[in-house]
Amino acid sequence: MRFSLICIGRMKAGVDKDLFDRYMDRARKSGRALGVTDVGLSEMQESRAQRAEDRKGDEARAILASLPAGAKLVVLDENGKNLTSQAFSERLERWKDDGAPDIVFAIGGADGHGQEVLARADLKLALGAMTWPHQIARILLAEQIYRAITIQSGHPYHRV
């Protein structure tokens, strides 16, 4: 099984990117023992369309075109579910046990996700009620993926 993040826009070098990279690296290394063969990142160009709806549509088509066959799609959305770290880990583990080859996490552009992506989503996930900058959302998501892997492996990182 592979985990991958698809993000609209690029993260610039600096402390935010360093922290994101650290959690992604930890997730890759810890996931191997659980059969997670990769934790990858794909950054996509933001649409240059004038209208927000057109931008969201362009970006949605790009995200959907990049999905591997059989992938489970988790979209970050302000109206999504608020899950505990334990419940998030259990969802990922259930999909893994059901044989999903890929779990793709999508972070949309500044305007959010287009309807096509929201309709295709297997899970709409919120990172709480607050709005987060995309760089911080990436870090939070990478950390939660790492945390989910440690929960599944029994590692003491997640203490309740």
N, C-alpha and C. Protein backbone atom coordinates (compact mmCIF):
# COMPACT_ATOMS: atom_id res chain seq x y z
N MET A 1 0.83 -1.17 0.00
CA MET A 1 0.00 0.00 0.00
C MET A 1 0.88 1.24 0.00
N ARG A 2 0.38 2.25 -0.69
CA ARG A 2 1.09 3.53 -0.75
C ARG A 2 0.19 4.65 -0.24
N PHE A 3 0.79 5.60 0.46
CA PHE A 3 0.12 6.84 0.84
C PHE A 3 0.72 7.94 -0.02
N SER A 4 -0.10 8.85 -0.47
CA SER A 4 0.46 10.00 -1.19
C SER A 4 -0.38 11.23 -0.92
N LEU A 5 0.30 12.35 -0.90
CA LEU A 5 -0.35 13.65 -0.75
C LEU A 5 -0.31 14.35 -2.10
N ILE A 6 -1.45 14.84 -2.53
CA ILE A 6 -1.53 15.68 -3.71
C ILE A 6 -1.89 17.07 -3.21
N CYS A 7 -1.04 18.03 -3.51
CA CYS A 7 -1.25 19.39 -3.02
C CYS A 7 -1.23 20.36 -4.19
N ILE A 8 -2.21 21.25 -4.20
CA ILE A 8 -2.21 22.32 -5.19
C ILE A 8 -1.28 23.41 -4.67
N GLY A 9 -0.31 23.77 -5.48
CA GLY A 9 0.68 24.76 -5.08
C GLY A 9 1.94 24.11 -4.54
N ARG A 10 2.96 24.90 -4.43
CA ARG A 10 4.26 24.40 -3.96
C ARG A 10 4.61 24.99 -2.60
N MET A 11 5.32 24.20 -1.83
CA MET A 11 5.81 24.65 -0.54
C MET A 11 7.24 25.13 -0.73
N LYS A 12 7.51 26.34 -0.30
CA LYS A 12 8.85 26.91 -0.45
C LYS A 12 9.78 26.37 0.63
N ALA A 13 11.06 26.43 0.32
CA ALA A 13 12.08 25.98 1.28
C ALA A 13 12.00 26.83 2.55
N GLY A 14 12.32 26.22 3.65
CA GLY A 14 12.31 26.92 4.93
C GLY A 14 11.92 25.97 6.05
N VAL A 15 11.67 26.54 7.21
CA VAL A 15 11.39 25.71 8.39
C VAL A 15 10.09 24.91 8.24
N ASP A 16 9.07 25.48 7.57
CA ASP A 16 7.82 24.74 7.36
C ASP A 16 8.09 23.48 6.54
N LYS A 17 8.81 23.64 5.45
CA LYS A 17 9.11 22.51 4.58
C LYS A 17 9.99 21.49 5.30
N ASP A 18 10.93 21.97 6.09
CA ASP A 18 11.79 21.06 6.85
C ASP A 18 10.97 20.19 7.80
N LEU A 19 10.00 20.80 8.49
CA LEU A 19 9.17 20.05 9.42
C LEU A 19 8.28 19.06 8.66
N PHE A 20 7.69 19.51 7.56
CA PHE A 20 6.88 18.61 6.72
C PHE A 20 7.72 17.42 6.27
N ASP A 21 8.91 17.70 5.74
CA ASP A 21 9.79 16.63 5.26
C ASP A 21 10.16 15.65 6.38
N ARG A 22 10.35 16.17 7.59
CA ARG A 22 10.71 15.31 8.72
C ARG A 22 9.59 14.30 9.01
N TYR A 23 8.32 14.77 9.03
CA TYR A 23 7.22 13.85 9.29
C TYR A 23 7.02 12.87 8.14
N MET A 24 7.20 13.34 6.91
CA MET A 24 7.07 12.43 5.77
C MET A 24 8.14 11.34 5.83
N ASP A 25 9.37 11.72 6.18
CA ASP A 25 10.45 10.75 6.29
C ASP A 25 10.17 9.74 7.41
N ARG A 26 9.69 10.23 8.55
CA ARG A 26 9.35 9.33 9.65
C ARG A 26 8.25 8.36 9.24
N ALA A 27 7.24 8.86 8.52
CA ALA A 27 6.13 8.01 8.08
C ALA A 27 6.63 6.94 7.12
N ARG A 28 7.51 7.32 6.20
CA ARG A 28 8.07 6.34 5.24
C ARG A 28 8.80 5.23 5.98
N LYS A 29 9.68 5.63 6.90
CA LYS A 29 10.50 4.64 7.61
C LYS A 29 9.65 3.75 8.52
N SER A 30 8.71 4.35 9.25
CA SER A 30 7.88 3.57 10.18
C SER A 30 6.85 2.72 9.45
N GLY A 31 6.41 3.18 8.29
CA GLY A 31 5.37 2.47 7.56
C GLY A 31 5.82 1.17 6.93
N ARG A 32 7.11 1.05 6.66
CA ARG A 32 7.61 -0.16 5.99
C ARG A 32 7.22 -1.43 6.72
N ALA A 33 7.31 -1.41 8.04
CA ALA A 33 7.00 -2.61 8.83
C ALA A 33 5.52 -2.98 8.73
N LEU A 34 4.68 -2.02 8.34
CA LEU A 34 3.24 -2.27 8.22
C LEU A 34 2.81 -2.54 6.78
N GLY A 35 3.77 -2.57 5.87
CA GLY A 35 3.43 -2.80 4.47
C GLY A 35 3.14 -1.53 3.69
N VAL A 36 3.47 -0.38 4.26
CA VAL A 36 3.33 0.89 3.53
C VAL A 36 4.62 1.07 2.75
N THR A 37 4.54 0.94 1.44
CA THR A 37 5.74 0.94 0.61
C THR A 37 6.25 2.34 0.27
N ASP A 38 5.38 3.34 0.38
CA ASP A 38 5.83 4.70 0.11
C ASP A 38 4.86 5.69 0.72
N VAL A 39 5.39 6.84 1.06
CA VAL A 39 4.60 7.99 1.48
C VAL A 39 5.13 9.13 0.63
N GLY A 40 4.40 9.48 -0.41
CA GLY A 40 4.92 10.42 -1.40
C GLY A 40 4.14 11.73 -1.46
N LEU A 41 4.69 12.63 -2.25
CA LEU A 41 4.11 13.97 -2.43
C LEU A 41 4.08 14.31 -3.90
N SER A 42 2.97 14.87 -4.34
CA SER A 42 2.85 15.41 -5.68
C SER A 42 2.29 16.83 -5.56
N GLU A 43 3.08 17.79 -6.03
CA GLU A 43 2.63 19.19 -6.00
C GLU A 43 2.15 19.56 -7.40
N MET A 44 0.98 20.16 -7.47
CA MET A 44 0.39 20.53 -8.75
C MET A 44 0.27 22.04 -8.86
N GLN A 45 0.38 22.49 -10.08
CA GLN A 45 0.28 23.91 -10.39
C GLN A 45 -1.11 24.44 -10.04
N GLU A 46 -1.15 25.63 -9.45
CA GLU A 46 -2.43 26.30 -9.22
C GLU A 46 -3.00 26.75 -10.56
N SER A 47 -4.30 26.66 -10.70
CA SER A 47 -4.95 27.12 -11.93
C SER A 47 -4.82 28.63 -12.05
N ARG A 48 -4.70 29.10 -13.27
CA ARG A 48 -4.62 30.55 -13.55
C ARG A 48 -5.96 31.11 -14.02
N ALA A 49 -7.02 30.32 -13.97
CA ALA A 49 -8.33 30.79 -14.41
C ALA A 49 -8.77 32.02 -13.59
N GLN A 50 -9.56 32.85 -14.18
CA GLN A 50 -10.00 34.10 -13.54
C GLN A 50 -11.02 33.86 -12.43
N ARG A 51 -11.97 32.99 -12.68
CA ARG A 51 -13.06 32.76 -11.71
C ARG A 51 -12.71 31.61 -10.77
N ALA A 52 -13.12 31.74 -9.51
CA ALA A 52 -12.85 30.71 -8.50
C ALA A 52 -13.42 29.36 -8.91
N GLU A 53 -14.63 29.32 -9.42
CA GLU A 53 -15.24 28.05 -9.82
C GLU A 53 -14.44 27.38 -10.94
N ASP A 54 -13.93 28.19 -11.86
CA ASP A 54 -13.11 27.63 -12.95
C ASP A 54 -11.78 27.10 -12.41
N ARG A 55 -11.19 27.84 -11.46
CA ARG A 55 -9.93 27.37 -10.85
C ARG A 55 -10.16 26.03 -10.14
N LYS A 56 -11.23 25.97 -9.34
CA LYS A 56 -11.52 24.73 -8.62
C LYS A 56 -11.77 23.58 -9.59
N GLY A 57 -12.45 23.85 -10.69
CA GLY A 57 -12.70 22.80 -11.68
C GLY A 57 -11.42 22.32 -12.33
N ASP A 58 -10.56 23.25 -12.73
CA ASP A 58 -9.26 22.88 -13.32
C ASP A 58 -8.45 22.01 -12.36
N GLU A 59 -8.37 22.46 -11.11
CA GLU A 59 -7.58 21.74 -10.11
C GLU A 59 -8.19 20.38 -9.80
N ALA A 60 -9.52 20.30 -9.76
CA ALA A 60 -10.19 19.02 -9.50
C ALA A 60 -9.88 18.03 -10.60
N ARG A 61 -9.94 18.47 -11.85
CA ARG A 61 -9.64 17.57 -12.97
C ARG A 61 -8.20 17.07 -12.89
N ALA A 62 -7.28 17.94 -12.51
CA ALA A 62 -5.87 17.53 -12.39
C ALA A 62 -5.70 16.49 -11.28
N ILE A 63 -6.36 16.72 -10.16
CA ILE A 63 -6.27 15.76 -9.04
C ILE A 63 -6.84 14.41 -9.45
N LEU A 64 -8.04 14.42 -10.04
CA LEU A 64 -8.69 13.17 -10.41
C LEU A 64 -7.91 12.42 -11.48
N ALA A 65 -7.30 13.15 -12.40
CA ALA A 65 -6.51 12.51 -13.45
C ALA A 65 -5.27 11.81 -12.90
N SER A 66 -4.80 12.25 -11.75
CA SER A 66 -3.57 11.68 -11.18
C SER A 66 -3.83 10.51 -10.22
N LEU A 67 -5.10 10.21 -9.94
CA LEU A 67 -5.40 9.15 -8.98
C LEU A 67 -5.09 7.77 -9.56
N PRO A 68 -4.36 6.96 -8.82
CA PRO A 68 -4.14 5.58 -9.26
C PRO A 68 -5.45 4.79 -9.20
N ALA A 69 -5.57 3.77 -10.02
CA ALA A 69 -6.76 2.92 -10.02
C ALA A 69 -6.95 2.30 -8.64
N GLY A 70 -8.17 2.30 -8.16
CA GLY A 70 -8.50 1.68 -6.88
C GLY A 70 -8.13 2.49 -5.66
N ALA A 71 -7.64 3.71 -5.85
CA ALA A 71 -7.20 4.53 -4.71
C ALA A 71 -8.38 5.00 -3.88
N LYS A 72 -8.16 5.05 -2.58
CA LYS A 72 -9.08 5.72 -1.67
C LYS A 72 -8.66 7.19 -1.65
N LEU A 73 -9.63 8.09 -1.71
CA LEU A 73 -9.34 9.52 -1.76
C LEU A 73 -9.85 10.20 -0.50
N VAL A 74 -8.93 10.85 0.20
CA VAL A 74 -9.25 11.65 1.39
C VAL A 74 -9.01 13.10 1.01
N VAL A 75 -10.05 13.92 1.07
CA VAL A 75 -9.88 15.34 0.75
C VAL A 75 -9.99 16.15 2.04
N LEU A 76 -9.08 17.10 2.17
CA LEU A 76 -9.18 18.02 3.29
C LEU A 76 -10.20 19.08 2.92
N ASP A 77 -11.19 19.24 3.79
CA ASP A 77 -12.30 20.13 3.51
C ASP A 77 -12.82 20.68 4.83
N GLU A 78 -13.08 21.98 4.86
CA GLU A 78 -13.52 22.61 6.10
C GLU A 78 -14.85 22.04 6.60
N ASN A 79 -15.64 21.44 5.72
CA ASN A 79 -16.91 20.84 6.12
C ASN A 79 -16.80 19.34 6.31
N GLY A 80 -15.58 18.83 6.35
CA GLY A 80 -15.37 17.40 6.51
C GLY A 80 -15.53 16.94 7.95
N LYS A 81 -15.28 15.66 8.15
CA LYS A 81 -15.39 15.06 9.49
C LYS A 81 -14.18 15.44 10.33
N ASN A 82 -14.43 15.64 11.60
CA ASN A 82 -13.37 15.81 12.58
C ASN A 82 -13.17 14.44 13.23
N LEU A 83 -12.05 13.82 12.97
CA LEU A 83 -11.76 12.50 13.54
C LEU A 83 -10.67 12.63 14.60
N THR A 84 -10.75 11.77 15.59
CA THR A 84 -9.63 11.68 16.52
C THR A 84 -8.48 11.01 15.78
N SER A 85 -7.29 11.13 16.31
CA SER A 85 -6.14 10.46 15.71
C SER A 85 -6.35 8.95 15.70
N GLN A 86 -6.95 8.41 16.75
CA GLN A 86 -7.22 6.97 16.82
C GLN A 86 -8.20 6.55 15.73
N ALA A 87 -9.28 7.30 15.55
CA ALA A 87 -10.27 6.97 14.52
C ALA A 87 -9.68 7.10 13.12
N PHE A 88 -8.84 8.11 12.91
CA PHE A 88 -8.17 8.29 11.63
C PHE A 88 -7.27 7.09 11.33
N SER A 89 -6.50 6.66 12.32
CA SER A 89 -5.62 5.51 12.16
C SER A 89 -6.43 4.25 11.85
N GLU A 90 -7.54 4.07 12.55
CA GLU A 90 -8.38 2.89 12.32
C GLU A 90 -8.95 2.89 10.91
N ARG A 91 -9.34 4.05 10.39
CA ARG A 91 -9.87 4.13 9.02
C ARG A 91 -8.80 3.72 8.02
N LEU A 92 -7.59 4.25 8.19
CA LEU A 92 -6.50 3.90 7.28
C LEU A 92 -6.18 2.41 7.36
N GLU A 93 -6.17 1.87 8.56
CA GLU A 93 -5.87 0.45 8.74
C GLU A 93 -6.95 -0.42 8.11
N ARG A 94 -8.22 -0.02 8.23
CA ARG A 94 -9.32 -0.78 7.63
C ARG A 94 -9.17 -0.81 6.11
N TRP A 95 -8.85 0.35 5.52
CA TRP A 95 -8.66 0.39 4.07
C TRP A 95 -7.48 -0.49 3.65
N LYS A 96 -6.42 -0.46 4.45
CA LYS A 96 -5.26 -1.31 4.15
C LYS A 96 -5.65 -2.78 4.22
N ASP A 97 -6.38 -3.15 5.26
CA ASP A 97 -6.81 -4.54 5.42
C ASP A 97 -7.78 -4.98 4.32
N ASP A 98 -8.55 -4.03 3.79
CA ASP A 98 -9.48 -4.32 2.69
C ASP A 98 -8.77 -4.41 1.34
N GLY A 99 -7.47 -4.12 1.32
CA GLY A 99 -6.69 -4.28 0.10
C GLY A 99 -6.58 -3.05 -0.77
N ALA A 100 -6.90 -1.88 -0.24
CA ALA A 100 -6.73 -0.66 -1.04
C ALA A 100 -5.26 -0.50 -1.40
N PRO A 101 -4.94 -0.32 -2.69
CA PRO A 101 -3.53 -0.22 -3.07
C PRO A 101 -2.92 1.15 -2.76
N ASP A 102 -3.76 2.18 -2.73
CA ASP A 102 -3.29 3.55 -2.51
C ASP A 102 -4.30 4.31 -1.68
N ILE A 103 -3.78 5.16 -0.82
CA ILE A 103 -4.61 6.16 -0.14
C ILE A 103 -4.01 7.50 -0.51
N VAL A 104 -4.83 8.33 -1.15
CA VAL A 104 -4.39 9.64 -1.62
C VAL A 104 -5.08 10.71 -0.79
N PHE A 105 -4.29 11.63 -0.28
CA PHE A 105 -4.78 12.77 0.50
C PHE A 105 -4.65 14.00 -0.37
N ALA A 106 -5.73 14.75 -0.55
CA ALA A 106 -5.70 15.91 -1.43
C ALA A 106 -5.95 17.20 -0.64
N ILE A 107 -5.03 18.14 -0.82
CA ILE A 107 -5.17 19.49 -0.27
C ILE A 107 -5.37 20.40 -1.47
N GLY A 108 -6.54 21.04 -1.52
CA GLY A 108 -6.89 21.88 -2.66
C GLY A 108 -6.17 23.22 -2.65
N GLY A 109 -6.51 24.01 -3.64
CA GLY A 109 -5.95 25.35 -3.76
C GLY A 109 -6.62 26.31 -2.80
N ALA A 110 -6.31 27.58 -2.95
CA ALA A 110 -6.82 28.62 -2.05
C ALA A 110 -8.34 28.71 -2.05
N ASP A 111 -8.97 28.28 -3.14
CA ASP A 111 -10.44 28.35 -3.24
C ASP A 111 -11.12 27.08 -2.74
N GLY A 112 -10.36 26.07 -2.37
CA GLY A 112 -10.93 24.81 -1.94
C GLY A 112 -10.99 23.82 -3.08
N HIS A 113 -11.75 22.76 -2.87
CA HIS A 113 -11.87 21.69 -3.87
C HIS A 113 -13.06 21.90 -4.78
N GLY A 114 -12.92 21.46 -6.02
CA GLY A 114 -14.03 21.45 -6.96
C GLY A 114 -15.00 20.34 -6.63
N GLN A 115 -16.22 20.48 -7.12
CA GLN A 115 -17.29 19.51 -6.83
C GLN A 115 -16.93 18.10 -7.26
N GLU A 116 -16.19 17.95 -8.36
CA GLU A 116 -15.85 16.61 -8.84
C GLU A 116 -15.00 15.85 -7.82
N VAL A 117 -14.08 16.55 -7.20
CA VAL A 117 -13.22 15.91 -6.19
C VAL A 117 -14.03 15.60 -4.94
N LEU A 118 -14.87 16.53 -4.51
CA LEU A 118 -15.69 16.29 -3.32
C LEU A 118 -16.63 15.11 -3.53
N ALA A 119 -17.19 15.00 -4.73
CA ALA A 119 -18.10 13.88 -5.03
C ALA A 119 -17.36 12.55 -5.05
N ARG A 120 -16.10 12.54 -5.47
CA ARG A 120 -15.31 11.31 -5.57
C ARG A 120 -14.72 10.87 -4.23
N ALA A 121 -14.66 11.78 -3.28
CA ALA A 121 -13.96 11.52 -2.01
C ALA A 121 -14.55 10.34 -1.26
N ASP A 122 -13.66 9.50 -0.75
CA ASP A 122 -14.06 8.42 0.15
C ASP A 122 -14.17 8.92 1.58
N LEU A 123 -13.48 10.01 1.87
CA LEU A 123 -13.55 10.66 3.17
C LEU A 123 -13.25 12.14 2.99
N LYS A 124 -14.12 12.97 3.55
CA LYS A 124 -13.86 14.41 3.63
C LYS A 124 -13.42 14.66 5.06
N LEU A 125 -12.21 15.19 5.21
CA LEU A 125 -11.58 15.32 6.52
C LEU A 125 -11.32 16.78 6.84
N ALA A 126 -11.70 17.20 8.04
CA ALA A 126 -11.40 18.54 8.51
C ALA A 126 -10.30 18.43 9.57
N LEU A 127 -9.47 19.45 9.62
CA LEU A 127 -8.42 19.51 10.64
C LEU A 127 -8.87 20.44 11.76
N GLY A 128 -10.13 20.34 12.12
CA GLY A 128 -10.70 21.18 13.16
C GLY A 128 -11.53 22.30 12.54
N ALA A 129 -12.09 23.12 13.40
CA ALA A 129 -13.00 24.18 12.95
C ALA A 129 -12.26 25.41 12.44
N MET A 130 -11.00 25.53 12.74
CA MET A 130 -10.24 26.71 12.32
C MET A 130 -9.74 26.55 10.89
N THR A 131 -9.44 27.67 10.27
CA THR A 131 -8.83 27.68 8.94
C THR A 131 -7.32 27.73 9.11
N TRP A 132 -6.62 26.86 8.36
CA TRP A 132 -5.16 26.79 8.45
C TRP A 132 -4.54 27.16 7.11
N PRO A 133 -3.39 27.83 7.13
CA PRO A 133 -2.66 28.04 5.87
C PRO A 133 -2.28 26.68 5.28
N HIS A 134 -2.15 26.64 3.96
CA HIS A 134 -1.86 25.37 3.30
C HIS A 134 -0.58 24.72 3.81
N GLN A 135 0.44 25.53 4.10
CA GLN A 135 1.70 24.95 4.59
C GLN A 135 1.49 24.25 5.93
N ILE A 136 0.73 24.87 6.80
CA ILE A 136 0.48 24.26 8.11
C ILE A 136 -0.42 23.04 7.96
N ALA A 137 -1.41 23.11 7.07
CA ALA A 137 -2.28 21.95 6.83
C ALA A 137 -1.45 20.76 6.36
N ARG A 138 -0.47 21.02 5.51
CA ARG A 138 0.41 19.93 5.05
C ARG A 138 1.17 19.31 6.21
N ILE A 139 1.70 20.16 7.06
CA ILE A 139 2.46 19.67 8.21
C ILE A 139 1.55 18.86 9.13
N LEU A 140 0.36 19.39 9.42
CA LEU A 140 -0.58 18.68 10.30
C LEU A 140 -0.97 17.32 9.71
N LEU A 141 -1.23 17.29 8.41
CA LEU A 141 -1.60 16.03 7.77
C LEU A 141 -0.44 15.03 7.79
N ALA A 142 0.76 15.49 7.47
CA ALA A 142 1.93 14.61 7.50
C ALA A 142 2.14 14.04 8.90
N GLU A 143 1.97 14.89 9.91
CA GLU A 143 2.13 14.42 11.29
C GLU A 143 1.07 13.39 11.64
N GLN A 144 -0.17 13.60 11.21
CA GLN A 144 -1.24 12.65 11.52
C GLN A 144 -1.07 11.33 10.79
N ILE A 145 -0.52 11.37 9.59
CA ILE A 145 -0.21 10.12 8.89
C ILE A 145 0.87 9.35 9.66
N TYR A 146 1.91 10.07 10.07
CA TYR A 146 2.96 9.44 10.88
C TYR A 146 2.37 8.89 12.18
N ARG A 147 1.53 9.68 12.84
CA ARG A 147 0.91 9.26 14.10
C ARG A 147 0.06 8.01 13.88
N ALA A 148 -0.71 7.98 12.78
CA ALA A 148 -1.55 6.82 12.49
C ALA A 148 -0.70 5.56 12.33
N ILE A 149 0.41 5.70 11.67
CA ILE A 149 1.32 4.56 11.49
C ILE A 149 1.87 4.10 12.83
N THR A 150 2.23 5.04 13.70
CA THR A 150 2.77 4.64 15.01
C THR A 150 1.69 4.00 15.88
N ILE A 151 0.44 4.46 15.75
CA ILE A 151 -0.65 3.83 16.49
C ILE A 151 -0.80 2.38 16.03
N GLN A 152 -0.78 2.16 14.73
CA GLN A 152 -0.94 0.81 14.19
C GLN A 152 0.20 -0.11 14.59
N SER A 153 1.39 0.44 14.73
CA SER A 153 2.55 -0.39 15.06
C SER A 153 2.76 -0.56 16.57
N GLY A 154 1.96 0.16 17.37
CA GLY A 154 2.12 0.06 18.82
C GLY A 154 3.27 0.90 19.37
N HIS A 155 3.81 1.78 18.55
CA HIS A 155 4.89 2.67 18.97
C HIS A 155 4.36 3.66 20.01
N PRO A 156 5.16 4.02 21.02
CA PRO A 156 4.66 4.91 22.07
C PRO A 156 4.53 6.38 21.70
N TYR A 157 4.79 6.77 20.45
CA TYR A 157 4.65 8.18 20.04
C TYR A 157 3.29 8.75 20.41
N HIS A 158 2.23 7.96 20.15
CA HIS A 158 0.88 8.42 20.47
C HIS A 158 0.53 7.96 21.87
N ARG A 159 0.47 8.89 22.77
CA ARG A 159 0.13 8.55 24.16
C ARG A 159 -1.24 9.13 24.47
N VAL A 160 -2.10 8.30 25.02
CA VAL A 160 -3.45 8.77 25.34
C VAL A 160 -3.61 9.04 26.79
